[in-house]
C-alpha atoms as a PDB file:
ATOM      1  CA  MET A   1     137.171  34.414  24.902  1.00  0.00           C
ATOM      2  CA  SER A   2     138.837  36.585  22.281  1.00  0.00           C
ATOM      3  CA  ALA A   3     138.628  35.902  18.552  1.00  0.00           C
ATOM      4  CA  ALA A   4     142.333  34.930  18.573  1.00  0.00           C
ATOM      5  CA  GLU A   5     141.721  32.409  21.360  1.00  0.00           C
ATOM      6  CA  MET A   6     138.712  30.996  19.534  1.00  0.00           C
ATOM      7  CA  LEU A   7     140.732  30.699  16.312  1.00  0.00           C
ATOM      8  CA  HIS A   8     143.404  28.689  18.140  1.00  0.00           C
ATOM      9  CA  ALA A   9     140.806  26.386  19.749  1.00  0.00           C
ATOM     10  CA  CYS A  10     138.903  25.887  16.483  1.00  0.00           C
ATOM     11  CA  ARG A  11     142.052  25.012  14.545  1.00  0.00           C
ATOM     12  CA  GLU A  12     143.088  22.532  17.218  1.00  0.00           C
ATOM     13  CA  HIS A  13     139.711  20.778  17.358  1.00  0.00           C
ATOM     14  CA  ALA A  14     138.934  20.955  13.618  1.00  0.00           C
ATOM     15  CA  ALA A  15     142.164  19.276  12.518  1.00  0.00           C
ATOM     16  CA  PRO A  16     141.119  15.687  13.363  1.00  0.00           C
ATOM     17  CA  ALA A  17     137.361  16.158  12.736  1.00  0.00           C
ATOM     18  CA  ARG A  18     135.517  14.687   9.750  1.00  0.00           C
ATOM     19  CA  VAL A  19     132.776  17.330   9.941  1.00  0.00           C
ATOM     20  CA  VAL A  20     133.237  20.894  11.190  1.00  0.00           C
ATOM     21  CA  ILE A  21     130.186  23.051  11.852  1.00  0.00           C
ATOM     22  CA  ALA A  22     131.089  26.709  12.341  1.00  0.00           C
ATOM     23  CA  ALA A  23     127.945  28.211  13.832  1.00  0.00           C
ATOM     24  CA  ALA A  24     128.983  31.810  14.491  1.00  0.00           C
ATOM     25  CA  ALA A  25     131.851  34.258  14.674  1.00  0.00           C
ATOM     26  CA  VAL A  26     132.900  35.395  18.129  1.00  0.00           C
ATOM     27  CA  ALA A  27     133.174  38.949  16.781  1.00  0.00           C
ATOM     28  CA  ASP A  28     133.852  40.552  13.433  1.00  0.00           C
ATOM     29  CA  TYR A  29     135.718  43.480  14.997  1.00  0.00           C
ATOM     30  CA  ALA A  30     137.803  44.162  18.107  1.00  0.00           C
ATOM     31  CA  PRO A  31     139.008  47.428  19.688  1.00  0.00           C
ATOM     32  CA  VAL A  32     142.342  48.720  18.439  1.00  0.00           C
ATOM     33  CA  GLN A  33     143.202  50.001  21.911  1.00  0.00           C
ATOM     34  CA  VAL A  34     142.197  48.089  25.033  1.00  0.00           C
ATOM     35  CA  SER A  35     142.040  49.859  28.386  1.00  0.00           C
ATOM     36  CA  SER A  36     142.952  48.115  31.612  1.00  0.00           C
ATOM     37  CA  GLN A  37     140.612  50.436  33.502  1.00  0.00           C
ATOM     38  CA  LYS A  38     137.094  51.780  33.136  1.00  0.00           C
ATOM     39  CA  LEU A  39     136.948  54.743  30.793  1.00  0.00           C
ATOM     40  CA  LYS A  40     135.363  57.688  32.623  1.00  0.00           C
ATOM     41  CA  LYS A  41     133.098  60.230  30.995  1.00  0.00           C
ATOM     42  CA  GLN A  42     134.846  63.420  29.973  1.00  0.00           C
ATOM     43  CA  GLY A  43     132.081  66.019  30.112  1.00  0.00           C
ATOM     44  CA  ASP A  44     129.689  66.070  27.163  1.00  0.00           C
ATOM     45  CA  ASP A  45     132.338  65.105  24.624  1.00  0.00           C
ATOM     46  CA  THR A  46     131.660  62.256  22.265  1.00  0.00           C
ATOM     47  CA  PHE A  47     133.750  59.108  22.434  1.00  0.00           C
ATOM     48  CA  THR A  48     135.203  57.445  19.371  1.00  0.00           C
ATOM     49  CA  LEU A  49     135.967  53.748  19.454  1.00  0.00           C
ATOM     50  CA  THR A  50     138.310  52.527  16.722  1.00  0.00           C
ATOM     51  CA  LEU A  51     137.844  48.914  15.661  1.00  0.00           C
ATOM     52  CA  LYS A  52     139.895  46.511  13.568  1.00  0.00           C
ATOM     53  CA  PRO A  53     138.718  43.327  11.850  1.00  0.00           C
ATOM     54  CA  THR A  54     139.353  40.069  13.701  1.00  0.00           C
ATOM     55  CA  GLU A  55     140.790  36.967  12.051  1.00  0.00           C
ATOM     56  CA  ASP A  56     138.212  35.123   9.954  1.00  0.00           C
ATOM     57  CA  ILE A  57     138.063  31.743  11.699  1.00  0.00           C
ATOM     58  CA  LEU A  58     136.004  30.060   8.999  1.00  0.00           C
ATOM     59  CA  ARG A  59     138.396  31.239   6.273  1.00  0.00           C
ATOM     60  CA  HIS A  60     141.328  29.763   8.243  1.00  0.00           C
ATOM     61  CA  LEU A  61     139.509  26.453   8.684  1.00  0.00           C
ATOM     62  CA  ALA A  62     138.681  26.348   4.964  1.00  0.00           C
ATOM     63  CA  ARG A  63     142.340  26.870   4.013  1.00  0.00           C
ATOM     64  CA  GLU A  64     143.347  24.004   6.318  1.00  0.00           C
ATOM     65  CA  LYS A  65     140.508  21.657   5.276  1.00  0.00           C
ATOM     66  CA  ARG A  66     141.669  18.096   4.594  1.00  0.00           C
ATOM     67  CA  ASP A  67     140.469  15.825   1.796  1.00  0.00           C
ATOM     68  CA  GLY A  68     137.255  14.184   2.916  1.00  0.00           C
ATOM     69  CA  GLN A  69     136.616  16.754   5.645  1.00  0.00           C
ATOM     70  CA  MET A  70     133.254  18.549   5.480  1.00  0.00           C
ATOM     71  CA  LEU A  71     133.037  22.223   6.440  1.00  0.00           C
ATOM     72  CA  ILE A  72     129.655  23.790   7.157  1.00  0.00           C
ATOM     73  CA  GLY A  73     129.224  27.511   7.763  1.00  0.00           C
ATOM     74  CA  PHE A  74     126.399  29.834   8.736  1.00  0.00           C
ATOM     75  CA  ALA A  75     125.391  33.217   7.356  1.00  0.00           C
ATOM     76  CA  ALA A  76     123.212  35.689   9.236  1.00  0.00           C
ATOM     77  CA  GLU A  77     122.013  38.253   6.727  1.00  0.00           C
ATOM     78  CA  THR A  78     119.648  41.217   6.673  1.00  0.00           C
ATOM     79  CA  GLU A  79     119.464  41.586   2.881  1.00  0.00           C
ATOM     80  CA  ALA A  80     120.240  39.664  -0.313  1.00  0.00           C
ATOM     81  CA  LEU A  81     120.203  36.366   1.575  1.00  0.00           C
ATOM     82  CA  GLU A  82     120.718  34.098  -1.420  1.00  0.00           C
ATOM     83  CA  THR A  83     123.417  36.228  -3.033  1.00  0.00           C
ATOM     84  CA  HIS A  84     125.421  36.686   0.164  1.00  0.00           C
ATOM     85  CA  ALA A  85     125.081  33.040   1.198  1.00  0.00           C
ATOM     86  CA  GLN A  86     126.176  31.752  -2.207  1.00  0.00           C
ATOM     87  CA  SER A  87     129.087  34.184  -2.232  1.00  0.00           C
ATOM     88  CA  LYS A  88     130.216  33.049   1.233  1.00  0.00           C
ATOM     89  CA  LEU A  89     129.822  29.390   0.253  1.00  0.00           C
ATOM     90  CA  GLU A  90     132.177  29.851  -2.685  1.00  0.00           C
ATOM     91  CA  ALA A  91     134.612  32.380  -1.202  1.00  0.00           C
ATOM     92  CA  LYS A  92     135.232  30.321   1.912  1.00  0.00           C
ATOM     93  CA  ASN A  93     135.306  26.939   0.137  1.00  0.00           C
ATOM     94  CA  LEU A  94     132.451  25.545   2.230  1.00  0.00           C
ATOM     95  CA  ASP A  95     130.658  22.292   1.552  1.00  0.00           C
ATOM     96  CA  MET A  96     127.363  23.619   2.904  1.00  0.00           C
ATOM     97  CA  ILE A  97     125.970  26.844   4.283  1.00  0.00           C
ATOM     98  CA  VAL A  98     122.949  27.534   6.477  1.00  0.00           C
ATOM     99  CA  ALA A  99     121.632  31.030   5.841  1.00  0.00           C
ATOM    100  CA  ASN A 100     119.310  32.982   8.099  1.00  0.00           C
ATOM    101  CA  ASP A 101     117.471  36.146   7.204  1.00  0.00           C
ATOM    102  CA  VAL A 102     117.693  37.665  10.675  1.00  0.00           C
ATOM    103  CA  THR A 103     114.927  40.139   9.849  1.00  0.00           C
ATOM    104  CA  GLU A 104     112.436  37.245   9.618  1.00  0.00           C
ATOM    105  CA  GLU A 105     111.081  35.095  12.456  1.00  0.00           C
ATOM    106  CA  GLU A 106     111.755  31.619  11.071  1.00  0.00           C
ATOM    107  CA  PRO A 107     113.205  31.347   7.546  1.00  0.00           C
ATOM    108  CA  VAL A 108     116.354  29.318   7.192  1.00  0.00           C
ATOM    109  CA  SER A 109     117.791  28.127   3.887  1.00  0.00           C
ATOM    110  CA  THR A 110     120.632  25.754   3.111  1.00  0.00           C
ATOM    111  CA  TRP A 111     122.827  25.331   0.075  1.00  0.00           C
ATOM    112  CA  THR A 112     125.601  22.950  -0.832  1.00  0.00           C
ATOM    113  CA  ARG A 113     128.357  23.456  -3.379  1.00  0.00           C
ATOM    114  CA  THR A 114     126.350  21.511  -5.951  1.00  0.00           C
ATOM    115  CA  SER A 115     123.017  23.279  -5.439  1.00  0.00           C
ATOM    116  CA  SER A 116     122.063  26.830  -6.168  1.00  0.00           C
ATOM    117  CA  PRO A 117     119.686  29.196  -4.406  1.00  0.00           C
END
């Protein structure tokens, strides 16, 4: 499933929901040029893949959030967990965020709009 297809499906299913839990992005980037065939090696030359950002599904859902609807997001971070999670919570107008420090084995933290890290 592409990020565009997931965006369409998420918008369709989130519209009537009271609670939306957005667990993960399908991809943050997608290739600018897509090949219909396998790309063969060309000697010892390097290969450059150009990527473009995909649509931010959670940001779309936040813009379309209805009164009374709860939107919960996740943040997988490798540094500054609290700062990045709080920033995402506010920037994306989330009601709650679950933040994981993916460099650790178990730690998970949660914040709501009324709590602080």
